[in-house]
Protein backbone atom coordinates (compact mmCIF):
# COMPACT_ATOMS: atom_id res chain seq x y z
CA MET A 1 65.93 -82.04 -76.86
CA LEU A 2 67.87 -81.66 -80.49
CA ILE A 3 69.66 -78.93 -81.84
CA VAL A 4 70.44 -78.85 -85.86
CA ASP A 5 72.65 -76.61 -86.88
CA ASP A 6 75.12 -76.59 -89.38
CA HIS A 7 77.15 -73.79 -87.68
CA PRO A 8 79.24 -75.22 -85.10
CA LEU A 9 80.26 -72.25 -83.09
CA VAL A 10 76.77 -71.35 -82.95
CA GLY A 11 75.26 -74.71 -82.02
CA GLU A 12 77.70 -75.22 -79.56
CA ALA A 13 77.19 -71.59 -77.85
CA PHE A 14 73.41 -72.59 -77.93
CA GLU A 15 74.08 -76.27 -76.60
CA LEU A 16 75.91 -74.39 -73.61
CA SER A 17 73.49 -71.73 -72.92
CA ILE A 18 70.76 -74.29 -72.83
CA ARG A 19 72.44 -76.96 -70.66
CA ALA A 20 73.54 -74.42 -68.08
CA ALA A 21 70.04 -72.83 -68.09
CA TYR A 22 67.92 -76.41 -67.97
CA PRO A 23 70.48 -79.23 -66.30
CA HIS A 24 67.03 -81.29 -66.12
CA ILE A 25 66.96 -81.85 -69.98
CA ASP A 26 69.15 -83.98 -72.15
CA VAL A 27 70.25 -82.04 -75.28
CA GLY A 28 71.97 -83.76 -78.02
CA ARG A 29 73.54 -81.79 -81.15
CA VAL A 30 73.95 -82.39 -84.20
CA THR A 31 75.20 -80.57 -88.24
CA THR A 32 72.96 -82.12 -90.99
CA ALA A 33 69.60 -83.24 -91.38
CA ALA A 34 70.89 -86.93 -92.25
CA GLU A 35 72.70 -86.70 -88.66
CA ALA A 36 68.91 -85.13 -87.29
CA GLU A 37 66.90 -88.28 -88.76
CA ALA A 38 69.77 -91.27 -87.54
CA TYR A 39 69.81 -89.23 -83.76
CA VAL A 40 66.24 -89.22 -84.06
CA ARG A 41 65.98 -92.94 -84.75
CA ALA A 42 68.28 -93.69 -81.45
CA TYR A 43 66.96 -91.53 -78.95
CA ALA A 44 63.59 -90.22 -79.90
CA ALA A 45 62.28 -91.07 -76.29
CA ARG A 46 64.65 -88.41 -75.18
CA ILE A 47 63.63 -85.45 -77.40
CA GLN A 48 61.68 -83.03 -75.63
CA LEU A 49 62.04 -80.35 -78.55
CA VAL A 50 63.85 -79.87 -81.70
CA LEU A 51 65.32 -76.68 -82.63
CA LEU A 52 66.36 -76.90 -86.20
CA ASP A 53 68.05 -74.51 -88.97
CA LEU A 54 66.23 -73.64 -91.85
CA MET A 55 69.05 -73.79 -93.93
CA LEU A 56 71.10 -76.98 -93.87
CA PRO A 57 73.43 -78.28 -96.27
CA ASP A 58 71.58 -81.24 -97.09
CA ALA A 59 67.97 -80.10 -97.27
CA THR A 60 65.92 -78.57 -99.53
CA GLY A 61 63.36 -75.96 -98.40
CA PHE A 62 61.17 -77.66 -95.07
CA SER A 63 62.15 -81.17 -96.06
CA ALA A 64 64.25 -81.64 -92.82
CA LEU A 65 61.24 -80.29 -91.19
CA ILE A 66 59.14 -82.85 -92.81
CA ARG A 67 60.91 -85.70 -92.05
CA LEU A 68 61.55 -84.86 -88.60
CA GLN A 69 57.72 -84.29 -88.38
CA GLN A 70 56.81 -87.33 -89.78
CA LEU A 71 59.59 -89.04 -87.23
CA LEU A 72 58.46 -87.23 -84.14
CA PRO A 73 54.68 -86.56 -84.76
CA ASP A 74 53.85 -85.84 -81.38
CA ARG A 75 57.37 -83.07 -80.12
CA PRO A 76 57.40 -79.71 -81.06
CA ILE A 77 59.63 -78.71 -83.30
CA ALA A 78 61.08 -74.94 -83.31
CA ILE A 79 63.01 -73.19 -86.42
CA VAL A 80 65.93 -71.22 -85.28
CA SER A 81 67.10 -69.40 -88.58
CA ALA A 82 69.27 -66.31 -89.92
CA ARG A 83 66.12 -66.05 -92.29
CA ALA A 84 63.65 -64.29 -91.22
CA ASP A 85 61.55 -62.98 -94.19
CA SER A 86 57.80 -63.07 -94.00
CA HIS A 87 57.40 -66.07 -96.70
CA ALA A 88 59.81 -68.30 -94.81
CA VAL A 89 57.92 -67.33 -91.76
CA ALA A 90 54.54 -68.03 -93.20
CA MET A 91 55.71 -71.04 -94.93
CA ALA A 92 57.13 -72.52 -91.63
CA ARG A 93 54.04 -71.47 -89.84
CA THR A 94 51.75 -73.21 -92.32
CA PHE A 95 54.04 -76.49 -92.27
CA GLY A 96 53.30 -76.35 -88.05
CA VAL A 97 56.11 -75.68 -86.42
CA ALA A 98 55.88 -74.63 -82.75
CA SER A 99 57.90 -71.35 -83.01
CA TYR A 100 60.50 -69.42 -85.44
CA LEU A 101 63.16 -67.69 -83.69
CA SER A 102 65.98 -65.63 -84.77
CA LYS A 103 69.65 -66.35 -84.61
CA SER A 104 70.14 -62.57 -84.55
CA ALA A 105 68.19 -62.53 -81.11
CA PRO A 106 70.35 -62.50 -77.58
CA VAL A 107 71.18 -66.19 -76.21
CA SER A 108 69.31 -65.32 -73.73
CA GLU A 109 66.17 -64.69 -75.19
CA LEU A 110 66.50 -68.07 -77.58
CA VAL A 111 67.51 -69.77 -74.02
CA ASN A 112 64.01 -67.86 -72.63
CA ALA A 113 62.26 -69.07 -75.59
CA VAL A 114 63.06 -72.53 -75.09
CA GLY A 115 61.44 -72.61 -71.51
CA ALA A 116 57.99 -70.78 -73.33
CA ILE A 117 58.08 -73.50 -75.79
CA LEU A 118 58.30 -75.78 -73.24
CA ARG A 119 55.73 -74.91 -71.70
CA GLY A 120 53.34 -75.34 -74.86
CA GLU A 121 53.74 -71.66 -76.00
CA THR A 122 54.26 -70.44 -79.56
CA LEU A 123 56.39 -67.90 -80.70
CA PHE A 124 56.36 -65.86 -83.65
CA PRO A 125 57.51 -62.57 -85.18
CA VAL A 126 54.98 -59.73 -84.13
CA ASP A 127 53.93 -59.40 -87.85
CA ALA A 128 53.63 -63.27 -89.07
CA LYS A 129 50.53 -63.53 -90.86
CA PRO A 130 48.22 -66.88 -90.28
CA PRO A 131 48.64 -69.59 -92.98
CA THR A 132 46.19 -69.18 -95.98
CA PRO A 133 43.77 -71.69 -97.19
CA ALA A 134 45.94 -72.59 -100.43
CA ALA A 135 48.93 -72.71 -97.94
CA GLU A 136 47.21 -75.19 -95.82
CA ASN A 137 45.80 -77.06 -99.25
CA PHE A 138 49.60 -77.13 -100.21
CA ARG A 139 51.21 -78.53 -96.94
CA LYS A 140 48.61 -81.50 -96.71
CA GLN A 141 49.87 -82.32 -100.05
CA VAL A 142 53.53 -82.05 -99.36
CA THR A 143 53.22 -83.62 -96.20
CA SER A 144 51.54 -86.56 -97.40
CA LEU A 145 54.49 -87.70 -99.54
CA SER A 146 56.11 -90.62 -97.69
CA ALA A 147 60.09 -90.30 -97.05
CA THR A 148 61.46 -92.05 -100.37
CA GLN A 149 58.55 -89.59 -102.57
CA LEU A 150 60.06 -86.71 -100.76
CA LYS A 151 64.01 -87.58 -101.67
CA VAL A 152 62.81 -88.06 -105.48
CA LEU A 153 60.88 -84.90 -105.31
CA THR A 154 64.02 -82.71 -104.08
CA ALA A 155 65.90 -84.25 -106.85
CA LEU A 156 63.48 -83.58 -109.44
CA ALA A 157 63.71 -80.23 -108.33
CA ASP A 158 67.29 -80.11 -108.47
CA GLY A 159 66.91 -80.85 -111.93
CA ARG A 160 68.23 -84.50 -111.28
CA LEU A 161 66.87 -86.66 -114.44
CA ASN A 162 65.31 -90.15 -113.82
CA LYS A 163 68.59 -92.02 -113.87
CA GLN A 164 70.27 -89.56 -111.81
CA ILE A 165 67.87 -89.99 -109.37
CA ALA A 166 67.80 -93.59 -109.75
CA GLY A 167 71.35 -93.97 -109.10
CA ASP A 168 71.70 -91.70 -106.36
CA MET A 169 69.13 -93.63 -104.24
CA ASN A 170 70.19 -96.77 -105.29
CA ILE A 171 66.70 -97.93 -107.22
CA THR A 172 65.59 -98.50 -110.47
CA GLU A 173 64.46 -96.52 -113.47
CA GLY A 174 61.16 -97.85 -112.96
CA THR A 175 60.64 -97.69 -109.48
CA VAL A 176 61.73 -93.80 -110.19
CA LYS A 177 58.96 -93.44 -112.38
CA GLN A 178 56.34 -95.24 -109.92
CA HIS A 179 57.29 -92.80 -107.13
CA LEU A 180 56.57 -89.67 -109.69
CA SER A 181 53.31 -90.93 -110.82
CA THR A 182 52.25 -90.87 -107.23
CA ILE A 183 53.75 -87.78 -106.33
CA PHE A 184 52.13 -85.88 -109.51
CA LYS A 185 48.54 -87.33 -108.16
CA LYS A 186 49.29 -86.30 -104.58
CA LEU A 187 50.07 -82.87 -106.04
CA CYS A 188 47.28 -82.67 -108.64
CA VAL A 189 49.98 -82.12 -110.99
CA ASN A 190 50.14 -83.96 -114.42
CA ASN A 191 54.07 -83.81 -115.42
CA ARG A 192 57.49 -83.14 -114.14
CA SER A 193 57.44 -79.12 -114.78
CA GLN A 194 53.88 -78.64 -113.15
CA ALA A 195 55.61 -80.53 -110.08
CA ILE A 196 58.41 -78.36 -109.64
CA LEU A 197 56.12 -75.13 -109.93
CA ALA A 198 53.70 -76.44 -107.48
CA ILE A 199 56.32 -76.76 -104.49
CA ARG A 200 58.27 -73.67 -105.17
CA PRO A 201 57.59 -72.33 -101.83
CA PHE A 202 59.31 -75.69 -100.64
CA LEU A 203 62.44 -74.78 -102.20
CA ASN A 204 65.15 -72.78 -100.05
CA ASP A 205 65.22 -69.96 -102.82
CA MET A 206 61.55 -69.00 -102.23
CA ASP A 207 60.63 -65.64 -103.40
CA GLU A 208 58.96 -63.21 -101.22
CA ALA A 209 55.18 -63.77 -100.89
């Protein structure tokens, strides 16, 4: 199991409680999306479940979730977040998370939820709505992006210019343009502005739907 949470005290408390309740489960803990990717690449076989904080310092919207899903396509990933507005929950459900848990819940409740998820149960707030057809289409478009394309897209959403993206990713501007062309095609848009508008639901500053 892997816990991804940038609040050390919260993550540590959760880790200790899970270890005590499930001594047979191997538990790892990291604090960033980059560390999570590195951990998964090293220990994928050990991971039965990922508990992922939605708001990480090096992730935009659901980018960390999508990357972990690409690396662990057959393992459940649950969101554990202080954010529980209806749009965030709906988008997480659209992206296929196993469950959406609130950090405000008692630790004992979260620990019990771990067992339920490992048994194949799905846990969402009682008022959570199922994904709409438009949301499902959006998910298919975004999840069709490669890891590099996803990084380019999130940099684009942050207002980075092609030259800046190239420098940040150590690639040429020509390569950035090639990635953008593919991204526009996959998102069914024609330019940067349309791409940014198309991925608004994917961003951390999501408006209430």
